């Protein structure tokens, strides 16, 4: 199967159902798709083999696990050499409170999504860890006041 597999309407439905409930059984999935179990299993396997499905997981309520603060941190680094950027990326990967990191264009170099139990913990993490990352020139914290639409999956239904 090629790595750039085109997905069809059945694949879209599979992806939608799996994003809503990754614990759905193949039997339940095939029933909802009006497809027999074996072809359904093969389709899921192809989606896994091509890397469209990269894994399975659960969505957690961060507040119920004592992570009530969410902050987006824009970071600019001093040097834009590949070596310095890689070093920054490697160190960010090891930080548990950083749940996502993106290299971005515009007036900053990286955008970090950080969670923390409370403001004091974030302040300490920000000052003692983020500011000490290699090559940090500038950082700006933007606090999420309210989650309007938390990430719950990708919009796969946009395919024809």
C-alpha atoms as a PDB file:
ATOM      1  CA  UNK A   1       0.000   0.000   0.000  1.00  0.00           C
ATOM      2  CA  UNK A   2       1.464   3.400  -0.940  1.00  0.00           C
ATOM      3  CA  UNK A   3       2.261   5.814   1.874  1.00  0.00           C
ATOM      4  CA  UNK A   4       0.138   8.560   0.269  1.00  0.00           C
ATOM      5  CA  UNK A   5      -3.079   6.532   0.096  1.00  0.00           C
ATOM      6  CA  UNK A   6      -6.138   8.456  -1.038  1.00  0.00           C
ATOM      7  CA  UNK A   7      -8.984   7.972   1.379  1.00  0.00           C
ATOM      8  CA  UNK A   8     -12.570   7.415   0.334  1.00  0.00           C
ATOM      9  CA  UNK A   9     -15.906   7.986   2.070  1.00  0.00           C
ATOM     10  CA  UNK A  10     -15.697   4.682   3.957  1.00  0.00           C
ATOM     11  CA  UNK A  11     -12.216   5.553   5.237  1.00  0.00           C
ATOM     12  CA  UNK A  12     -13.524   8.966   6.326  1.00  0.00           C
ATOM     13  CA  UNK A  13     -16.337   7.326   8.294  1.00  0.00           C
ATOM     14  CA  UNK A  14     -13.849   4.896   9.896  1.00  0.00           C
ATOM     15  CA  UNK A  15     -11.595   7.795  10.916  1.00  0.00           C
ATOM     16  CA  UNK A  16     -14.526   9.797  12.307  1.00  0.00           C
ATOM     17  CA  UNK A  17     -15.758   6.843  14.363  1.00  0.00           C
ATOM     18  CA  UNK A  18     -12.283   5.963  15.670  1.00  0.00           C
ATOM     19  CA  UNK A  19     -11.592   9.577  16.666  1.00  0.00           C
ATOM     20  CA  UNK A  20     -14.841   9.617  18.646  1.00  0.00           C
ATOM     21  CA  UNK A  21     -14.157   6.246  20.296  1.00  0.00           C
ATOM     22  CA  UNK A  22     -10.824   4.529  19.765  1.00  0.00           C
ATOM     23  CA  UNK A  23     -12.080   1.549  21.790  1.00  0.00           C
ATOM     24  CA  UNK A  24     -14.802   0.678  19.294  1.00  0.00           C
ATOM     25  CA  UNK A  25     -14.541  -2.964  18.256  1.00  0.00           C
ATOM     26  CA  UNK A  26     -14.130  -4.018  14.638  1.00  0.00           C
ATOM     27  CA  UNK A  27     -17.545  -5.692  14.881  1.00  0.00           C
ATOM     28  CA  UNK A  28     -19.188  -2.457  16.059  1.00  0.00           C
ATOM     29  CA  UNK A  29     -17.303  -0.466  13.448  1.00  0.00           C
ATOM     30  CA  UNK A  30     -18.322  -2.797  10.641  1.00  0.00           C
ATOM     31  CA  UNK A  31     -21.949  -2.709  11.805  1.00  0.00           C
ATOM     32  CA  UNK A  32     -22.029   1.097  11.718  1.00  0.00           C
ATOM     33  CA  UNK A  33     -20.454   1.055   8.247  1.00  0.00           C
ATOM     34  CA  UNK A  34     -22.715  -1.726   6.911  1.00  0.00           C
ATOM     35  CA  UNK A  35     -19.555  -3.599   5.977  1.00  0.00           C
ATOM     36  CA  UNK A  36     -18.536  -7.114   6.925  1.00  0.00           C
ATOM     37  CA  UNK A  37     -15.897  -7.535   9.618  1.00  0.00           C
ATOM     38  CA  UNK A  38     -12.945  -8.706   7.486  1.00  0.00           C
ATOM     39  CA  UNK A  39     -13.017  -5.881   4.915  1.00  0.00           C
ATOM     40  CA  UNK A  40     -13.515  -3.387   7.754  1.00  0.00           C
ATOM     41  CA  UNK A  41     -10.490  -4.779   9.608  1.00  0.00           C
ATOM     42  CA  UNK A  42      -8.421  -4.644   6.378  1.00  0.00           C
ATOM     43  CA  UNK A  43      -9.349  -0.997   5.830  1.00  0.00           C
ATOM     44  CA  UNK A  44      -8.332  -0.064   9.380  1.00  0.00           C
ATOM     45  CA  UNK A  45      -5.088  -2.012   8.940  1.00  0.00           C
ATOM     46  CA  UNK A  46      -4.355  -0.135   5.682  1.00  0.00           C
ATOM     47  CA  UNK A  47      -4.990   3.194   7.419  1.00  0.00           C
ATOM     48  CA  UNK A  48      -2.522   2.114  10.109  1.00  0.00           C
ATOM     49  CA  UNK A  49       0.059   0.806   7.621  1.00  0.00           C
ATOM     50  CA  UNK A  50       0.031   4.031   5.603  1.00  0.00           C
ATOM     51  CA  UNK A  51       0.494   6.105   8.762  1.00  0.00           C
ATOM     52  CA  UNK A  52      -2.847   7.882   8.514  1.00  0.00           C
ATOM     53  CA  UNK A  53      -3.702   6.264  11.851  1.00  0.00           C
ATOM     54  CA  UNK A  54      -0.601   6.797  13.971  1.00  0.00           C
ATOM     55  CA  UNK A  55      -1.905   5.329  17.205  1.00  0.00           C
ATOM     56  CA  UNK A  56      -4.812   5.137  19.607  1.00  0.00           C
ATOM     57  CA  UNK A  57      -5.440   7.066  22.781  1.00  0.00           C
ATOM     58  CA  UNK A  58      -7.892   8.721  25.107  1.00  0.00           C
ATOM     59  CA  UNK A  59      -8.975  12.321  25.579  1.00  0.00           C
ATOM     60  CA  UNK A  60      -8.577  13.514  29.160  1.00  0.00           C
ATOM     61  CA  UNK A  61     -10.261  16.346  30.995  1.00  0.00           C
ATOM     62  CA  UNK A  62      -7.135  18.264  31.998  1.00  0.00           C
ATOM     63  CA  UNK A  63      -8.903  20.082  34.830  1.00  0.00           C
ATOM     64  CA  UNK A  64      -9.945  16.794  36.445  1.00  0.00           C
ATOM     65  CA  UNK A  65      -6.301  15.719  36.521  1.00  0.00           C
ATOM     66  CA  UNK A  66      -5.235  18.982  38.181  1.00  0.00           C
ATOM     67  CA  UNK A  67      -3.970  20.826  35.113  1.00  0.00           C
ATOM     68  CA  UNK A  68      -6.202  23.878  35.360  1.00  0.00           C
ATOM     69  CA  UNK A  69      -3.911  26.364  33.626  1.00  0.00           C
ATOM     70  CA  UNK A  70      -3.218  26.332  29.888  1.00  0.00           C
ATOM     71  CA  UNK A  71      -0.728  28.736  28.381  1.00  0.00           C
ATOM     72  CA  UNK A  72       0.473  29.309  24.838  1.00  0.00           C
ATOM     73  CA  UNK A  73       4.057  30.510  24.817  1.00  0.00           C
ATOM     74  CA  UNK A  74       5.569  32.244  21.802  1.00  0.00           C
ATOM     75  CA  UNK A  75       9.328  31.803  21.755  1.00  0.00           C
ATOM     76  CA  UNK A  76      11.971  33.546  19.677  1.00  0.00           C
ATOM     77  CA  UNK A  77      15.483  32.151  19.638  1.00  0.00           C
ATOM     78  CA  UNK A  78      18.798  33.992  19.137  1.00  0.00           C
ATOM     79  CA  UNK A  79      20.299  31.869  16.417  1.00  0.00           C
ATOM     80  CA  UNK A  80      18.479  30.326  13.513  1.00  0.00           C
ATOM     81  CA  UNK A  81      21.126  27.759  12.787  1.00  0.00           C
ATOM     82  CA  UNK A  82      19.879  24.221  12.335  1.00  0.00           C
ATOM     83  CA  UNK A  83      22.048  23.048  15.232  1.00  0.00           C
ATOM     84  CA  UNK A  84      20.575  25.577  17.691  1.00  0.00           C
ATOM     85  CA  UNK A  85      16.998  24.895  16.584  1.00  0.00           C
ATOM     86  CA  UNK A  86      17.517  21.131  16.968  1.00  0.00           C
ATOM     87  CA  UNK A  87      18.961  21.593  20.460  1.00  0.00           C
ATOM     88  CA  UNK A  88      15.939  23.701  21.453  1.00  0.00           C
ATOM     89  CA  UNK A  89      13.539  21.115  19.982  1.00  0.00           C
ATOM     90  CA  UNK A  90      15.258  18.225  21.790  1.00  0.00           C
ATOM     91  CA  UNK A  91      15.061  19.967  25.152  1.00  0.00           C
ATOM     92  CA  UNK A  92      11.396  20.931  24.651  1.00  0.00           C
ATOM     93  CA  UNK A  93      10.545  17.294  23.838  1.00  0.00           C
ATOM     94  CA  UNK A  94      11.665  16.307  27.348  1.00  0.00           C
ATOM     95  CA  UNK A  95       9.376  18.769  29.175  1.00  0.00           C
ATOM     96  CA  UNK A  96       6.213  17.154  30.539  1.00  0.00           C
ATOM     97  CA  UNK A  97       4.268  20.394  30.979  1.00  0.00           C
ATOM     98  CA  UNK A  98       4.814  21.216  27.288  1.00  0.00           C
ATOM     99  CA  UNK A  99       2.070  19.200  25.592  1.00  0.00           C
ATOM    100  CA  UNK A 100       2.642  20.541  22.067  1.00  0.00           C
ATOM    101  CA  UNK A 101       5.319  22.527  20.256  1.00  0.00           C
ATOM    102  CA  UNK A 102       5.233  23.965  16.762  1.00  0.00           C
ATOM    103  CA  UNK A 103       7.838  25.694  14.634  1.00  0.00           C
ATOM    104  CA  UNK A 104       6.019  28.766  13.309  1.00  0.00           C
ATOM    105  CA  UNK A 105       6.443  31.596  10.849  1.00  0.00           C
ATOM    106  CA  UNK A 106       5.940  35.232  11.698  1.00  0.00           C
ATOM    107  CA  UNK A 107       7.419  37.236  14.539  1.00  0.00           C
ATOM    108  CA  UNK A 108       8.273  34.199  16.689  1.00  0.00           C
ATOM    109  CA  UNK A 109      10.023  30.893  16.026  1.00  0.00           C
ATOM    110  CA  UNK A 110       8.096  28.407  18.163  1.00  0.00           C
ATOM    111  CA  UNK A 111       4.685  28.110  19.793  1.00  0.00           C
ATOM    112  CA  UNK A 112       4.469  25.951  22.900  1.00  0.00           C
ATOM    113  CA  UNK A 113       1.260  24.727  24.489  1.00  0.00           C
ATOM    114  CA  UNK A 114       1.882  24.360  28.201  1.00  0.00           C
ATOM    115  CA  UNK A 115      -0.353  23.014  30.970  1.00  0.00           C
ATOM    116  CA  UNK A 116       0.133  23.466  34.682  1.00  0.00           C
ATOM    117  CA  UNK A 117      -1.757  22.856  37.929  1.00  0.00           C
ATOM    118  CA  UNK A 118      -1.856  26.565  38.833  1.00  0.00           C
ATOM    119  CA  UNK A 119      -0.354  29.978  38.081  1.00  0.00           C
ATOM    120  CA  UNK A 120       2.387  29.677  40.690  1.00  0.00           C
ATOM    121  CA  UNK A 121       3.570  26.383  39.203  1.00  0.00           C
ATOM    122  CA  UNK A 122       3.485  27.878  35.701  1.00  0.00           C
ATOM    123  CA  UNK A 123       5.440  30.928  36.874  1.00  0.00           C
ATOM    124  CA  UNK A 124       8.123  28.704  38.381  1.00  0.00           C
ATOM    125  CA  UNK A 125       8.234  26.461  35.284  1.00  0.00           C
ATOM    126  CA  UNK A 126       8.374  29.482  33.008  1.00  0.00           C
ATOM    127  CA  UNK A 127      11.196  31.211  34.853  1.00  0.00           C
ATOM    128  CA  UNK A 128      13.307  28.195  35.813  1.00  0.00           C
ATOM    129  CA  UNK A 129      12.791  25.969  32.777  1.00  0.00           C
ATOM    130  CA  UNK A 130      11.468  27.674  29.649  1.00  0.00           C
ATOM    131  CA  UNK A 131      13.634  30.799  30.029  1.00  0.00           C
ATOM    132  CA  UNK A 132      16.666  28.549  30.524  1.00  0.00           C
ATOM    133  CA  UNK A 133      16.169  26.647  27.255  1.00  0.00           C
ATOM    134  CA  UNK A 134      19.089  27.070  24.834  1.00  0.00           C
ATOM    135  CA  UNK A 135      19.053  30.166  22.660  1.00  0.00           C
ATOM    136  CA  UNK A 136      15.926  31.822  24.080  1.00  0.00           C
ATOM    137  CA  UNK A 137      15.876  35.461  23.041  1.00  0.00           C
ATOM    138  CA  UNK A 138      12.287  36.309  23.914  1.00  0.00           C
ATOM    139  CA  UNK A 139       9.140  34.610  25.151  1.00  0.00           C
ATOM    140  CA  UNK A 140       5.562  35.743  25.569  1.00  0.00           C
ATOM    141  CA  UNK A 141       2.928  33.870  27.576  1.00  0.00           C
ATOM    142  CA  UNK A 142      -0.717  33.967  26.521  1.00  0.00           C
ATOM    143  CA  UNK A 143      -3.092  32.469  29.062  1.00  0.00           C
ATOM    144  CA  UNK A 144      -6.185  30.587  27.938  1.00  0.00           C
ATOM    145  CA  UNK A 145      -9.096  32.056  29.881  1.00  0.00           C
ATOM    146  CA  UNK A 146     -11.710  29.651  28.552  1.00  0.00           C
ATOM    147  CA  UNK A 147     -11.554  26.609  26.300  1.00  0.00           C
ATOM    148  CA  UNK A 148     -14.179  27.160  23.637  1.00  0.00           C
ATOM    149  CA  UNK A 149     -13.344  24.203  21.392  1.00  0.00           C
ATOM    150  CA  UNK A 150     -10.653  21.876  22.720  1.00  0.00           C
ATOM    151  CA  UNK A 151      -8.945  19.543  20.275  1.00  0.00           C
ATOM    152  CA  UNK A 152     -11.048  16.431  19.763  1.00  0.00           C
ATOM    153  CA  UNK A 153      -9.805  15.189  16.404  1.00  0.00           C
ATOM    154  CA  UNK A 154      -9.119  16.273  12.862  1.00  0.00           C
ATOM    155  CA  UNK A 155     -11.875  17.232  10.385  1.00  0.00           C
ATOM    156  CA  UNK A 156     -11.667  14.197   8.099  1.00  0.00           C
ATOM    157  CA  UNK A 157     -15.122  14.792   6.620  1.00  0.00           C
ATOM    158  CA  UNK A 158     -13.731  17.508   4.333  1.00  0.00           C
ATOM    159  CA  UNK A 159     -12.695  14.872   1.767  1.00  0.00           C
ATOM    160  CA  UNK A 160     -14.998  14.495  -1.257  1.00  0.00           C
END
